[in-house]
């Protein structure tokens, strides 16, 4: 995402995306000003369906051509269902001139990040095991019946 003047930011999500796993959400804020201007970030948070996570150590000033990185570690609750969810990154602050970073949005810069919560690999393996338990006997029984049928037909033809 890009903001007004010379402010850029993006959000990345790392690790598995299933209930019980821990995500790493990284937020980069970059001051690409061509003039001697700094950016001060006063607050930063990521809003998820289950909790709001806030960055520590703020406010922080980002020099011209510098970047600020904050990483959140968040565990998806085991009670969270599979399907689509949206995370929202939001932060506020000022330029060294005193102007708000995202003045047109009431000084709150935001980015929505759609994610898909997947089914746990453990429960998927259980499902596969259950299907294997059902279909494996059929997979052995049907060819065995066909073989017996061929033996009977062959024996009848000889007689």
Protein backbone atom coordinates (compact mmCIF):
# COMPACT_ATOMS: atom_id res chain seq x y z
CA UNK A 1 0.00 0.00 0.00
CA UNK A 2 1.10 3.55 -0.43
CA UNK A 3 0.06 6.56 1.52
CA UNK A 4 0.25 10.24 0.80
CA UNK A 5 3.54 11.94 -0.03
CA UNK A 6 6.37 9.43 0.41
CA UNK A 7 4.99 6.80 2.76
CA UNK A 8 4.79 3.12 1.78
CA UNK A 9 3.74 0.11 3.83
CA UNK A 10 2.98 -3.56 3.41
CA UNK A 11 1.91 -6.50 5.54
CA UNK A 12 3.13 -10.08 5.21
CA UNK A 13 1.89 -13.28 6.83
CA UNK A 14 4.16 -16.25 7.48
CA UNK A 15 3.67 -19.81 8.78
CA UNK A 16 0.74 -22.22 8.72
CA UNK A 17 -2.81 -20.90 8.67
CA UNK A 18 -4.89 -23.37 10.63
CA UNK A 19 -6.48 -23.33 14.10
CA UNK A 20 -3.84 -23.77 16.79
CA UNK A 21 -0.91 -22.59 14.66
CA UNK A 22 1.10 -19.42 15.25
CA UNK A 23 1.22 -16.82 12.48
CA UNK A 24 3.97 -14.25 12.11
CA UNK A 25 2.54 -11.02 10.73
CA UNK A 26 5.13 -8.47 9.68
CA UNK A 27 4.37 -4.82 8.97
CA UNK A 28 6.89 -2.67 7.07
CA UNK A 29 6.54 1.10 6.95
CA UNK A 30 8.92 2.90 4.60
CA UNK A 31 9.70 6.61 4.34
CA UNK A 32 10.78 7.21 0.74
CA UNK A 33 10.88 11.02 0.98
CA UNK A 34 13.19 12.84 -1.40
CA UNK A 35 13.58 15.75 1.00
CA UNK A 36 14.78 15.94 4.58
CA UNK A 37 11.61 14.62 6.16
CA UNK A 38 10.97 12.01 8.84
CA UNK A 39 7.88 10.02 9.75
CA UNK A 40 6.79 9.30 13.32
CA UNK A 41 4.58 6.26 13.88
CA UNK A 42 2.55 6.76 17.05
CA UNK A 43 0.60 3.51 17.15
CA UNK A 44 0.37 0.30 15.14
CA UNK A 45 -2.02 -2.61 15.49
CA UNK A 46 -3.36 -5.63 13.64
CA UNK A 47 -7.04 -6.39 14.17
CA UNK A 48 -8.05 -10.05 13.75
CA UNK A 49 -11.46 -11.66 14.28
CA UNK A 50 -10.33 -12.94 17.67
CA UNK A 51 -8.07 -10.18 19.08
CA UNK A 52 -6.37 -6.84 18.44
CA UNK A 53 -2.57 -6.94 18.64
CA UNK A 54 -0.69 -3.70 19.38
CA UNK A 55 2.98 -2.96 18.68
CA UNK A 56 5.23 -2.06 21.58
CA UNK A 57 8.01 0.50 21.74
CA UNK A 58 6.09 3.31 20.05
CA UNK A 59 6.29 6.09 19.06
CA UNK A 60 9.17 5.55 16.64
CA UNK A 61 10.68 7.96 14.12
CA UNK A 62 11.64 6.70 10.67
CA UNK A 63 14.35 8.67 8.89
CA UNK A 64 14.27 9.56 5.20
CA UNK A 65 14.91 6.41 3.16
CA UNK A 66 14.58 4.17 6.23
CA UNK A 67 12.12 1.43 7.08
CA UNK A 68 10.41 0.31 10.25
CA UNK A 69 9.54 -3.36 10.74
CA UNK A 70 7.38 -4.82 13.48
CA UNK A 71 6.50 -8.50 13.73
CA UNK A 72 3.47 -9.83 15.57
CA UNK A 73 3.26 -13.48 16.63
CA UNK A 74 -0.35 -14.52 16.95
CA UNK A 75 -1.87 -17.92 17.58
CA UNK A 76 -5.07 -18.79 15.75
CA UNK A 77 -7.48 -20.04 18.42
CA UNK A 78 -8.34 -23.72 18.16
CA UNK A 79 -11.99 -22.66 18.20
CA UNK A 80 -11.59 -20.56 15.02
CA UNK A 81 -13.42 -22.14 12.10
CA UNK A 82 -11.95 -22.71 8.66
CA UNK A 83 -12.73 -20.25 5.89
CA UNK A 84 -12.05 -16.64 4.96
CA UNK A 85 -11.15 -13.99 7.52
CA UNK A 86 -9.81 -10.46 7.23
CA UNK A 87 -6.98 -8.91 9.22
CA UNK A 88 -6.72 -5.12 9.29
CA UNK A 89 -3.40 -3.35 9.77
CA UNK A 90 -3.81 0.16 11.09
CA UNK A 91 -1.40 2.83 12.24
CA UNK A 92 -1.23 6.57 12.77
CA UNK A 93 1.43 9.21 13.10
CA UNK A 94 2.82 12.40 11.62
CA UNK A 95 5.36 13.74 9.16
CA UNK A 96 8.13 15.95 10.56
CA UNK A 97 6.09 18.90 9.27
CA UNK A 98 3.34 17.97 11.75
CA UNK A 99 0.94 16.80 9.01
CA UNK A 100 -0.97 13.58 9.68
CA UNK A 101 0.23 10.48 7.82
CA UNK A 102 -3.19 9.63 6.41
CA UNK A 103 -5.02 12.93 6.83
CA UNK A 104 -7.77 11.94 4.39
CA UNK A 105 -8.60 8.95 6.63
CA UNK A 106 -8.66 10.79 9.98
CA UNK A 107 -4.95 9.99 10.50
CA UNK A 108 -5.48 6.21 10.45
CA UNK A 109 -3.65 4.39 7.69
CA UNK A 110 -5.27 1.00 7.06
CA UNK A 111 -4.80 -2.10 4.96
CA UNK A 112 -7.16 -5.08 4.85
CA UNK A 113 -5.53 -8.46 4.45
CA UNK A 114 -7.82 -11.35 3.48
CA UNK A 115 -6.67 -14.77 4.67
CA UNK A 116 -7.99 -18.30 4.48
CA UNK A 117 -7.91 -20.40 7.63
CA UNK A 118 -7.27 -23.98 6.54
CA UNK A 119 -8.18 -27.23 8.20
CA UNK A 120 -5.52 -28.64 10.51
CA UNK A 121 -3.23 -31.19 8.82
CA UNK A 122 -3.83 -33.49 11.81
CA UNK A 123 -7.58 -33.55 11.22
CA UNK A 124 -7.03 -33.96 7.47
CA UNK A 125 -4.82 -36.98 8.16
CA UNK A 126 -7.56 -38.42 10.39
CA UNK A 127 -10.05 -37.99 7.55
CA UNK A 128 -7.69 -39.74 5.12
CA UNK A 129 -7.15 -42.55 7.62
CA UNK A 130 -10.93 -42.96 8.01
CA UNK A 131 -11.39 -43.22 4.24
CA UNK A 132 -8.48 -45.66 4.02
CA UNK A 133 -10.08 -47.80 6.73
CA UNK A 134 -13.28 -47.99 4.66
CA UNK A 135 -11.89 -48.30 1.13
CA UNK A 136 -8.87 -50.52 1.76
CA UNK A 137 -10.98 -53.65 2.46
CA UNK A 138 -13.06 -52.91 -0.65
CA UNK A 139 -9.89 -52.41 -2.66
CA UNK A 140 -8.68 -55.85 -1.60
CA UNK A 141 -12.06 -57.62 -1.67
CA UNK A 142 -13.20 -56.67 -5.17
CA UNK A 143 -10.03 -57.84 -6.99
CA UNK A 144 -10.10 -61.02 -4.89
CA UNK A 145 -13.71 -61.72 -5.94
CA UNK A 146 -12.84 -61.11 -9.58
CA UNK A 147 -9.88 -63.51 -9.30
CA UNK A 148 -12.11 -66.18 -7.72
CA UNK A 149 -14.70 -65.67 -10.48
CA UNK A 150 -12.02 -66.16 -13.18
CA UNK A 151 -10.76 -69.32 -11.44
CA UNK A 152 -14.31 -70.74 -11.29
CA UNK A 153 -14.96 -69.91 -14.97
CA UNK A 154 -11.62 -71.41 -15.96
CA UNK A 155 -12.34 -74.57 -13.93
CA UNK A 156 -15.83 -74.91 -15.52
CA UNK A 157 -14.34 -74.52 -19.01
CA UNK A 158 -11.82 -77.35 -18.33
CA UNK A 159 -14.56 -79.69 -17.09
